[in-house]
Amino acid sequence: MPVSATVAAKHSCLAYDDRADLESCARAYLGAGLAAGERVLYAAPGGPGGLTGWLADAAVTDPDSVLFVALETAYPAGTQLDPQAQVAAYAGATEAALSAGYAGLRVVADVTPLVSTPAGLAAFARYEALVDSYIAGAPMRAICAVDRGAAGDRPVAELACLHPAANVDGVRFTLRSGPPGGPAAVLAGELDIAADRLFPVALAHVRPRAAGGRIVIDAAGLRFADHRALLHLHRYGEAAGAIVVLRTPLPAVARLAELVGLARVRVEGPR
C-alpha cells in the first residue's frame, strides 16, 4: 500500500526506512490536521529532528494547537507501556482538545523504542488493538510509525495487521477489535499460507471475547481463507470455551469449514 493511502486513513501503521521519509509524511499529515482545525501531536525519540522548524512555525499563530512529546520522557528506559492506561491518556487528550475548541486530535508517534523487546512489542500490540477501537468512534486520528530496520520485519508485520491501513508489503489481512455492542472482531483481507504464522499472533493481541458462548467475527471484508486459518480459529475458540462464528459472504469458506469439520467454528452469512 502506498504511503499516500496510509496518510489518508484514520488509523494507520507507517513503516519507514529513513527518518526524512517519516518527517515528510508527518508534516503532510499534521499539516492537514491543522487545516482541519485539529490539535496535533508529534511524539518521537531524540527530539523533533527535522520537524523542529516546522513545528515552531506551525505554532506561531496558535501555540496550543501543536504539541511535541519526547518518547523517552513519556516512557523512560526500562518502563513498559500500559495498554489501557495509554488509551485512556489519548482519550483524555482528545477530550481536552475538544474542550479547547479544536475539532479533534491528530497524532504521529514514532514508537520504535517501545517495540524493541518481545514484552514491549506484546504490550504495544495490545494497545494498538484497544486504541483502534477507540479511534473508530472518536475525533482522533493517528499514525503509528516504526523504523523497519531497527524493529525488524516480524514486529512491523505484527503491528501492521492490527491497523485499517499500512504501507507494509506481504501483510494481506487485518484483524481489529469490534465496536462496542457489535462483533468481537473485524477481519478483512486474505488468510493464505503467508498468514499462517501471523494470524494466531494477531488473535492473541486482539483477544476477541465471547458473549453467550459465541465469539462473533465480522468477516464481510474477507477475500480468502484457507483451512489453516480455520484451524487457528478453532484452537482459539477451544481455548476460550466458545464457538467462533465467522460471518463471511464467501461460500467457499463455509464449504471448507463443513469439509474440515471443526467443532469450534461456525460460518454464517454477513448481517
C-alpha atoms as a PDB file:
ATOM      1  CA  MET A   1       0.000   0.000   0.000  1.00  0.00           C
ATOM      2  CA  PRO A   2       1.418   3.420  -0.895  1.00  0.00           C
ATOM      3  CA  VAL A   3       2.266   5.930   1.817  1.00  0.00           C
ATOM      4  CA  SER A   4      -0.458   8.264   0.451  1.00  0.00           C
ATOM      5  CA  ALA A   5      -3.148   5.694   1.316  1.00  0.00           C
ATOM      6  CA  THR A   6      -1.638   5.259   4.771  1.00  0.00           C
ATOM      7  CA  VAL A   7      -1.757   9.003   5.387  1.00  0.00           C
ATOM      8  CA  ALA A   8      -5.392   9.155   4.282  1.00  0.00           C
ATOM      9  CA  ALA A   9      -6.542   6.525   6.801  1.00  0.00           C
ATOM     10  CA  LYS A  10      -7.909   7.422  10.228  1.00  0.00           C
ATOM     11  CA  HIS A  11      -5.539   4.991  11.953  1.00  0.00           C
ATOM     12  CA  SER A  12      -2.542   3.549  10.178  1.00  0.00           C
ATOM     13  CA  CYS A  13       0.855   1.930  10.556  1.00  0.00           C
ATOM     14  CA  LEU A  14       3.783   3.536   8.739  1.00  0.00           C
ATOM     15  CA  ALA A  15       6.986   1.526   8.383  1.00  0.00           C
ATOM     16  CA  TYR A  16       9.829   3.822   7.372  1.00  0.00           C
ATOM     17  CA  ASP A  17      13.401   3.239   6.251  1.00  0.00           C
ATOM     18  CA  ASP A  18      14.667   6.803   6.522  1.00  0.00           C
ATOM     19  CA  ARG A  19      13.814   9.389   9.194  1.00  0.00           C
ATOM     20  CA  ALA A  20      13.399  12.018   6.488  1.00  0.00           C
ATOM     21  CA  ASP A  21      10.582   9.968   4.947  1.00  0.00           C
ATOM     22  CA  LEU A  22       8.799   9.829   8.298  1.00  0.00           C
ATOM     23  CA  GLU A  23       9.190  13.568   8.812  1.00  0.00           C
ATOM     24  CA  SER A  24       7.884  14.348   5.329  1.00  0.00           C
ATOM     25  CA  CYS A  25       4.829  12.185   5.988  1.00  0.00           C
ATOM     26  CA  ALA A  26       4.337  13.760   9.423  1.00  0.00           C
ATOM     27  CA  ARG A  27       4.412  17.281   8.003  1.00  0.00           C
ATOM     28  CA  ALA A  28       1.710  16.431   5.463  1.00  0.00           C
ATOM     29  CA  TYR A  29      -0.446  14.546   7.956  1.00  0.00           C
ATOM     30  CA  LEU A  30      -0.165  17.036  10.802  1.00  0.00           C
ATOM     31  CA  GLY A  31      -0.496  19.971   8.426  1.00  0.00           C
ATOM     32  CA  ALA A  32      -3.793  18.542   7.198  1.00  0.00           C
ATOM     33  CA  GLY A  33      -4.884  18.298  10.818  1.00  0.00           C
ATOM     34  CA  LEU A  34      -4.121  21.957  11.489  1.00  0.00           C
ATOM     35  CA  ALA A  35      -6.014  22.919   8.344  1.00  0.00           C
ATOM     36  CA  ALA A  36      -8.991  20.909   9.632  1.00  0.00           C
ATOM     37  CA  GLY A  37      -8.941  22.725  12.968  1.00  0.00           C
ATOM     38  CA  GLU A  38      -7.467  19.832  14.951  1.00  0.00           C
ATOM     39  CA  ARG A  39      -4.850  19.892  17.685  1.00  0.00           C
ATOM     40  CA  VAL A  40      -1.778  17.945  16.516  1.00  0.00           C
ATOM     41  CA  LEU A  41       0.794  15.978  18.466  1.00  0.00           C
ATOM     42  CA  TYR A  42       4.156  14.622  17.347  1.00  0.00           C
ATOM     43  CA  ALA A  43       5.912  12.064  19.552  1.00  0.00           C
ATOM     44  CA  ALA A  44       9.397  10.818  18.694  1.00  0.00           C
ATOM     45  CA  PRO A  45      12.624   9.681  20.331  1.00  0.00           C
ATOM     46  CA  GLY A  46      15.583  12.031  20.378  1.00  0.00           C
ATOM     47  CA  GLY A  47      13.693  15.249  19.779  1.00  0.00           C
ATOM     48  CA  PRO A  48      11.707  16.552  16.815  1.00  0.00           C
ATOM     49  CA  GLY A  49      14.699  16.378  14.458  1.00  0.00           C
ATOM     50  CA  GLY A  50      13.865  17.715  11.013  1.00  0.00           C
ATOM     51  CA  LEU A  51      10.433  18.847  12.208  1.00  0.00           C
ATOM     52  CA  THR A  52      11.866  21.340  14.720  1.00  0.00           C
ATOM     53  CA  GLY A  53      11.444  24.379  12.490  1.00  0.00           C
ATOM     54  CA  TRP A  54       8.123  23.239  11.042  1.00  0.00           C
ATOM     55  CA  LEU A  55       6.611  22.653  14.480  1.00  0.00           C
ATOM     56  CA  ALA A  56       7.793  26.070  15.677  1.00  0.00           C
ATOM     57  CA  ASP A  57       6.393  27.818  12.599  1.00  0.00           C
ATOM     58  CA  ALA A  58       3.077  25.932  12.866  1.00  0.00           C
ATOM     59  CA  ALA A  59       2.694  27.041  16.484  1.00  0.00           C
ATOM     60  CA  VAL A  60       3.269  30.747  15.860  1.00  0.00           C
ATOM     61  CA  THR A  61      -0.378  31.713  15.406  1.00  0.00           C
ATOM     62  CA  ASP A  62      -1.731  29.231  17.969  1.00  0.00           C
ATOM     63  CA  PRO A  63       0.847  27.687  20.328  1.00  0.00           C
ATOM     64  CA  ASP A  64      -1.741  25.369  21.901  1.00  0.00           C
ATOM     65  CA  SER A  65      -2.508  23.718  18.562  1.00  0.00           C
ATOM     66  CA  VAL A  66       0.889  21.995  18.262  1.00  0.00           C
ATOM     67  CA  LEU A  67       2.355  19.602  20.832  1.00  0.00           C
ATOM     68  CA  PHE A  68       5.614  17.646  20.910  1.00  0.00           C
ATOM     69  CA  VAL A  69       6.317  14.731  23.249  1.00  0.00           C
ATOM     70  CA  ALA A  70       9.778  13.241  23.624  1.00  0.00           C
ATOM     71  CA  LEU A  71       9.211   9.488  23.702  1.00  0.00           C
ATOM     72  CA  GLU A  72      11.998   8.894  26.224  1.00  0.00           C
ATOM     73  CA  THR A  73      10.330  11.391  28.581  1.00  0.00           C
ATOM     74  CA  ALA A  74       6.937   9.724  28.344  1.00  0.00           C
ATOM     75  CA  TYR A  75       8.475   6.254  28.535  1.00  0.00           C
ATOM     76  CA  PRO A  76      11.848   6.294  30.322  1.00  0.00           C
ATOM     77  CA  ALA A  77      14.253   3.420  29.649  1.00  0.00           C
ATOM     78  CA  GLY A  78      13.140   0.259  31.411  1.00  0.00           C
ATOM     79  CA  THR A  79       9.458   1.172  31.569  1.00  0.00           C
ATOM     80  CA  GLN A  80       6.768  -0.630  29.610  1.00  0.00           C
ATOM     81  CA  LEU A  81       3.623   0.790  28.114  1.00  0.00           C
ATOM     82  CA  ASP A  82       0.366   0.072  29.926  1.00  0.00           C
ATOM     83  CA  PRO A  83      -2.114  -0.528  27.064  1.00  0.00           C
ATOM     84  CA  GLN A  84      -5.307   0.507  28.838  1.00  0.00           C
ATOM     85  CA  ALA A  85      -3.699   3.498  30.536  1.00  0.00           C
ATOM     86  CA  GLN A  86      -2.336   4.727  27.211  1.00  0.00           C
ATOM     87  CA  VAL A  87      -5.748   4.521  25.559  1.00  0.00           C
ATOM     88  CA  ALA A  88      -7.192   6.461  28.491  1.00  0.00           C
ATOM     89  CA  ALA A  89      -4.450   9.066  28.121  1.00  0.00           C
ATOM     90  CA  TYR A  90      -5.256   9.619  24.445  1.00  0.00           C
ATOM     91  CA  ALA A  91      -8.969   9.708  25.208  1.00  0.00           C
ATOM     92  CA  GLY A  92      -8.250  12.409  27.784  1.00  0.00           C
ATOM     93  CA  ALA A  93      -6.071  14.315  25.323  1.00  0.00           C
ATOM     94  CA  THR A  94      -8.821  14.134  22.710  1.00  0.00           C
ATOM     95  CA  GLU A  95     -11.419  15.447  25.165  1.00  0.00           C
ATOM     96  CA  ALA A  96      -9.032  18.237  26.158  1.00  0.00           C
ATOM     97  CA  ALA A  97      -8.623  19.213  22.501  1.00  0.00           C
ATOM     98  CA  LEU A  98     -12.400  19.327  22.058  1.00  0.00           C
ATOM     99  CA  SER A  99     -12.826  21.383  25.238  1.00  0.00           C
ATOM    100  CA  ALA A 100     -10.240  23.862  23.935  1.00  0.00           C
ATOM    101  CA  GLY A 101     -12.293  24.355  20.787  1.00  0.00           C
ATOM    102  CA  TYR A 102     -10.412  22.088  18.395  1.00  0.00           C
ATOM    103  CA  ALA A 103     -12.127  19.641  16.059  1.00  0.00           C
ATOM    104  CA  GLY A 104     -10.182  16.705  17.462  1.00  0.00           C
ATOM    105  CA  LEU A 105      -6.701  15.292  17.981  1.00  0.00           C
ATOM    106  CA  ARG A 106      -4.259  14.098  15.329  1.00  0.00           C
ATOM    107  CA  VAL A 107      -1.119  12.167  16.309  1.00  0.00           C
ATOM    108  CA  VAL A 108       2.069  10.948  14.668  1.00  0.00           C
ATOM    109  CA  ALA A 109       4.143   8.775  17.002  1.00  0.00           C
ATOM    110  CA  ASP A 110       7.442   7.073  16.234  1.00  0.00           C
ATOM    111  CA  VAL A 111       7.095   4.069  18.533  1.00  0.00           C
ATOM    112  CA  THR A 112      10.260   2.199  17.539  1.00  0.00           C
ATOM    113  CA  PRO A 113      11.823   2.113  21.050  1.00  0.00           C
ATOM    114  CA  LEU A 114       8.594   0.755  22.522  1.00  0.00           C
ATOM    115  CA  VAL A 115       8.671  -2.411  20.393  1.00  0.00           C
ATOM    116  CA  SER A 116      12.371  -3.226  20.792  1.00  0.00           C
ATOM    117  CA  THR A 117      11.759  -6.223  23.088  1.00  0.00           C
ATOM    118  CA  PRO A 118       9.249  -9.099  22.878  1.00  0.00           C
ATOM    119  CA  ALA A 119       7.472  -7.870  26.019  1.00  0.00           C
ATOM    120  CA  GLY A 120       7.397  -4.306  24.716  1.00  0.00           C
ATOM    121  CA  LEU A 121       6.040  -5.450  21.375  1.00  0.00           C
ATOM    122  CA  ALA A 122       3.309  -7.529  23.018  1.00  0.00           C
ATOM    123  CA  ALA A 123       2.219  -4.611  25.212  1.00  0.00           C
ATOM    124  CA  PHE A 124       2.222  -2.149  22.333  1.00  0.00           C
ATOM    125  CA  ALA A 125       0.376  -4.514  20.003  1.00  0.00           C
ATOM    126  CA  ARG A 126      -2.310  -4.952  22.644  1.00  0.00           C
ATOM    127  CA  TYR A 127      -2.540  -1.179  22.943  1.00  0.00           C
ATOM    128  CA  GLU A 128      -2.962  -0.905  19.161  1.00  0.00           C
ATOM    129  CA  ALA A 129      -5.920  -3.282  19.275  1.00  0.00           C
ATOM    130  CA  LEU A 130      -7.553  -1.240  22.042  1.00  0.00           C
ATOM    131  CA  VAL A 131      -6.852   2.222  20.662  1.00  0.00           C
ATOM    132  CA  ASP A 132      -8.079   1.272  17.189  1.00  0.00           C
ATOM    133  CA  SER A 133     -11.481   0.552  18.698  1.00  0.00           C
ATOM    134  CA  TYR A 134     -11.415   3.947  20.420  1.00  0.00           C
ATOM    135  CA  ILE A 135     -10.281   5.854  17.317  1.00  0.00           C
ATOM    136  CA  ALA A 136     -13.036   4.283  15.197  1.00  0.00           C
ATOM    137  CA  GLY A 137     -15.668   6.217  17.130  1.00  0.00           C
ATOM    138  CA  ALA A 138     -13.735   9.265  18.355  1.00  0.00           C
ATOM    139  CA  PRO A 139     -12.472  12.521  16.789  1.00  0.00           C
ATOM    140  CA  MET A 140      -8.910  11.231  16.853  1.00  0.00           C
ATOM    141  CA  ARG A 141      -6.602  10.189  14.028  1.00  0.00           C
ATOM    142  CA  ALA A 142      -3.169   8.617  14.354  1.00  0.00           C
ATOM    143  CA  ILE A 143      -0.164   7.272  12.508  1.00  0.00           C
ATOM    144  CA  CYS A 144       1.969   4.757  14.403  1.00  0.00           C
ATOM    145  CA  ALA A 145       5.405   4.857  12.803  1.00  0.00           C
ATOM    146  CA  VAL A 146       8.182   2.308  13.223  1.00  0.00           C
ATOM    147  CA  ASP A 147      11.709   2.132  11.865  1.00  0.00           C
ATOM    148  CA  ARG A 148      11.715  -1.030   9.747  1.00  0.00           C
ATOM    149  CA  GLY A 149      15.484  -1.535  10.012  1.00  0.00           C
ATOM    150  CA  ALA A 150      15.628  -1.107  13.773  1.00  0.00           C
ATOM    151  CA  ALA A 151      12.490  -3.068  14.641  1.00  0.00           C
ATOM    152  CA  GLY A 152      12.722  -5.895  12.098  1.00  0.00           C
ATOM    153  CA  ASP A 153      10.205  -7.299   9.639  1.00  0.00           C
ATOM    154  CA  ARG A 154       8.348  -9.530  12.081  1.00  0.00           C
ATOM    155  CA  PRO A 155       7.434  -6.853  14.663  1.00  0.00           C
ATOM    156  CA  VAL A 156       6.455  -4.498  11.840  1.00  0.00           C
ATOM    157  CA  ALA A 157       4.109  -7.138  10.413  1.00  0.00           C
ATOM    158  CA  GLU A 158       2.568  -7.796  13.839  1.00  0.00           C
ATOM    159  CA  LEU A 159       1.711  -4.113  14.169  1.00  0.00           C
ATOM    160  CA  ALA A 160       0.642  -3.593  10.558  1.00  0.00           C
ATOM    161  CA  CYS A 161      -2.098  -6.235  10.594  1.00  0.00           C
ATOM    162  CA  LEU A 162      -3.798  -4.513  13.547  1.00  0.00           C
ATOM    163  CA  HIS A 163      -4.398  -1.288  11.579  1.00  0.00           C
ATOM    164  CA  PRO A 164      -7.004  -0.432   8.937  1.00  0.00           C
ATOM    165  CA  ALA A 165      -4.151   0.689   6.675  1.00  0.00           C
ATOM    166  CA  ALA A 166      -0.403   0.098   6.460  1.00  0.00           C
ATOM    167  CA  ASN A 167       2.363   0.503   3.905  1.00  0.00           C
ATOM    168  CA  VAL A 168       3.809  -2.943   4.655  1.00  0.00           C
ATOM    169  CA  ASP A 169       4.109  -5.386   1.768  1.00  0.00           C
ATOM    170  CA  GLY A 170       3.214  -9.003   2.464  1.00  0.00           C
ATOM    171  CA  VAL A 171       0.626  -8.309   5.172  1.00  0.00           C
ATOM    172  CA  ARG A 172      -2.616  -9.080   3.378  1.00  0.00           C
ATOM    173  CA  PHE A 173      -5.094  -9.260   6.242  1.00  0.00           C
ATOM    174  CA  THR A 174      -6.258  -7.044   9.087  1.00  0.00           C
ATOM    175  CA  LEU A 175      -7.753  -8.116  12.398  1.00  0.00           C
ATOM    176  CA  ARG A 176      -9.246  -5.413  14.597  1.00  0.00           C
ATOM    177  CA  SER A 177     -11.374  -5.176  17.716  1.00  0.00           C
ATOM    178  CA  GLY A 178     -15.085  -4.850  17.024  1.00  0.00           C
ATOM    179  CA  PRO A 179     -17.140  -1.808  18.019  1.00  0.00           C
ATOM    180  CA  PRO A 180     -18.882  -1.646  21.424  1.00  0.00           C
ATOM    181  CA  GLY A 181     -22.033  -3.718  21.292  1.00  0.00           C
ATOM    182  CA  GLY A 182     -21.028  -5.242  17.961  1.00  0.00           C
ATOM    183  CA  PRO A 183     -18.972  -8.253  16.846  1.00  0.00           C
ATOM    184  CA  ALA A 184     -15.943  -9.228  18.888  1.00  0.00           C
ATOM    185  CA  ALA A 185     -13.575  -8.560  15.984  1.00  0.00           C
ATOM    186  CA  VAL A 186     -13.477  -7.418  12.375  1.00  0.00           C
ATOM    187  CA  LEU A 187     -11.464  -9.459   9.881  1.00  0.00           C
ATOM    188  CA  ALA A 188     -10.610  -8.489   6.310  1.00  0.00           C
ATOM    189  CA  GLY A 189      -8.209  -9.400   3.511  1.00  0.00           C
ATOM    190  CA  GLU A 190      -6.623 -12.739   2.683  1.00  0.00           C
ATOM    191  CA  LEU A 191      -5.730 -15.552   5.066  1.00  0.00           C
ATOM    192  CA  ASP A 192      -3.453 -17.749   2.992  1.00  0.00           C
ATOM    193  CA  ILE A 193      -0.284 -19.695   3.780  1.00  0.00           C
ATOM    194  CA  ALA A 194       1.647 -16.442   4.155  1.00  0.00           C
ATOM    195  CA  ALA A 195      -0.613 -15.534   7.097  1.00  0.00           C
ATOM    196  CA  ASP A 196      -0.222 -18.878   8.864  1.00  0.00           C
ATOM    197  CA  ARG A 197       2.250 -17.648  11.491  1.00  0.00           C
ATOM    198  CA  LEU A 198       0.940 -14.104  11.812  1.00  0.00           C
ATOM    199  CA  PHE A 199      -2.801 -14.758  12.178  1.00  0.00           C
ATOM    200  CA  PRO A 200      -2.684 -16.596  15.550  1.00  0.00           C
ATOM    201  CA  VAL A 201      -0.413 -13.868  16.909  1.00  0.00           C
ATOM    202  CA  ALA A 202      -2.935 -11.245  15.792  1.00  0.00           C
ATOM    203  CA  LEU A 203      -5.696 -13.200  17.549  1.00  0.00           C
ATOM    204  CA  ALA A 204      -3.617 -13.192  20.733  1.00  0.00           C
ATOM    205  CA  HIS A 205      -3.153  -9.413  20.508  1.00  0.00           C
ATOM    206  CA  VAL A 206      -6.785  -8.556  19.711  1.00  0.00           C
ATOM    207  CA  ARG A 207      -8.278 -11.145  22.108  1.00  0.00           C
ATOM    208  CA  PRO A 208     -11.835 -11.332  20.715  1.00  0.00           C
ATOM    209  CA  ARG A 209     -14.157 -12.024  23.629  1.00  0.00           C
ATOM    210  CA  ALA A 210     -17.033 -14.455  23.883  1.00  0.00           C
ATOM    211  CA  ALA A 211     -20.596 -13.367  24.563  1.00  0.00           C
ATOM    212  CA  GLY A 212     -23.158 -16.031  25.289  1.00  0.00           C
ATOM    213  CA  GLY A 213     -20.672 -18.756  24.359  1.00  0.00           C
ATOM    214  CA  ARG A 214     -20.021 -17.228  20.892  1.00  0.00           C
ATOM    215  CA  ILE A 215     -17.132 -15.197  19.518  1.00  0.00           C
ATOM    216  CA  VAL A 216     -18.615 -13.342  16.568  1.00  0.00           C
ATOM    217  CA  ILE A 217     -16.172 -12.121  13.913  1.00  0.00           C
ATOM    218  CA  ASP A 218     -17.371  -9.794  11.180  1.00  0.00           C
ATOM    219  CA  ALA A 219     -15.537 -11.071   8.097  1.00  0.00           C
ATOM    220  CA  ALA A 220     -17.546  -9.210   5.455  1.00  0.00           C
ATOM    221  CA  GLY A 221     -14.256  -7.884   4.073  1.00  0.00           C
ATOM    222  CA  LEU A 222     -12.601 -11.298   3.912  1.00  0.00           C
ATOM    223  CA  ARG A 223     -11.481 -12.242   0.398  1.00  0.00           C
ATOM    224  CA  PHE A 224      -9.933 -15.660   1.066  1.00  0.00           C
ATOM    225  CA  ALA A 225      -9.340 -18.069   3.940  1.00  0.00           C
ATOM    226  CA  ASP A 226      -7.693 -21.472   3.857  1.00  0.00           C
ATOM    227  CA  HIS A 227      -8.008 -24.427   6.216  1.00  0.00           C
ATOM    228  CA  ARG A 228      -5.049 -23.223   8.306  1.00  0.00           C
ATOM    229  CA  ALA A 229      -6.922 -20.058   9.209  1.00  0.00           C
ATOM    230  CA  LEU A 230      -9.985 -22.058  10.220  1.00  0.00           C
ATOM    231  CA  LEU A 231      -7.806 -24.302  12.371  1.00  0.00           C
ATOM    232  CA  HIS A 232      -6.424 -21.244  14.170  1.00  0.00           C
ATOM    233  CA  LEU A 233      -9.970 -20.029  14.814  1.00  0.00           C
ATOM    234  CA  HIS A 234     -10.936 -23.483  16.083  1.00  0.00           C
ATOM    235  CA  ARG A 235      -8.000 -23.525  18.512  1.00  0.00           C
ATOM    236  CA  TYR A 236      -8.821 -20.021  19.705  1.00  0.00           C
ATOM    237  CA  GLY A 237     -12.436 -20.998  20.315  1.00  0.00           C
ATOM    238  CA  GLU A 238     -11.368 -24.180  22.074  1.00  0.00           C
ATOM    239  CA  ALA A 239      -9.097 -22.235  24.439  1.00  0.00           C
ATOM    240  CA  ALA A 240     -11.898 -19.750  25.127  1.00  0.00           C
ATOM    241  CA  GLY A 241     -14.535 -22.461  25.572  1.00  0.00           C
ATOM    242  CA  ALA A 242     -16.673 -20.833  22.879  1.00  0.00           C
ATOM    243  CA  ILE A 243     -17.857 -21.193  19.301  1.00  0.00           C
ATOM    244  CA  VAL A 244     -16.193 -18.851  16.802  1.00  0.00           C
ATOM    245  CA  VAL A 245     -18.874 -17.528  14.452  1.00  0.00           C
ATOM    246  CA  LEU A 246     -17.282 -16.291  11.242  1.00  0.00           C
ATOM    247  CA  ARG A 247     -19.655 -14.084   9.273  1.00  0.00           C
ATOM    248  CA  THR A 248     -18.457 -14.005   5.677  1.00  0.00           C
ATOM    249  CA  PRO A 249     -20.110 -13.813   2.250  1.00  0.00           C
ATOM    250  CA  LEU A 250     -17.666 -16.399   0.865  1.00  0.00           C
ATOM    251  CA  PRO A 251     -19.480 -19.702   0.204  1.00  0.00           C
ATOM    252  CA  ALA A 252     -16.131 -21.451  -0.291  1.00  0.00           C
ATOM    253  CA  VAL A 253     -15.207 -20.775   3.333  1.00  0.00           C
ATOM    254  CA  ALA A 254     -18.489 -22.261   4.532  1.00  0.00           C
ATOM    255  CA  ARG A 255     -17.913 -25.361   2.415  1.00  0.00           C
ATOM    256  CA  LEU A 256     -14.347 -25.667   3.679  1.00  0.00           C
ATOM    257  CA  ALA A 257     -15.443 -25.402   7.308  1.00  0.00           C
ATOM    258  CA  GLU A 258     -18.028 -28.112   6.717  1.00  0.00           C
ATOM    259  CA  LEU A 259     -15.471 -30.326   4.988  1.00  0.00           C
ATOM    260  CA  VAL A 260     -12.839 -29.956   7.701  1.00  0.00           C
ATOM    261  CA  GLY A 261     -15.465 -30.449  10.398  1.00  0.00           C
ATOM    262  CA  LEU A 262     -14.196 -28.109  13.103  1.00  0.00           C
ATOM    263  CA  ALA A 263     -16.450 -28.206  16.144  1.00  0.00           C
ATOM    264  CA  ARG A 264     -15.487 -24.736  17.355  1.00  0.00           C
ATOM    265  CA  VAL A 265     -16.052 -22.868  14.070  1.00  0.00           C
ATOM    266  CA  ARG A 266     -19.371 -21.927  12.545  1.00  0.00           C
ATOM    267  CA  VAL A 267     -19.619 -19.976   9.287  1.00  0.00           C
ATOM    268  CA  GLU A 268     -22.602 -17.730   8.657  1.00  0.00           C
ATOM    269  CA  GLY A 269     -23.529 -15.138   6.069  1.00  0.00           C
ATOM    270  CA  PRO A 270     -22.964 -11.464   6.941  1.00  0.00           C
ATOM    271  CA  ARG A 271     -25.683  -9.495   8.763  1.00  0.00           C
END
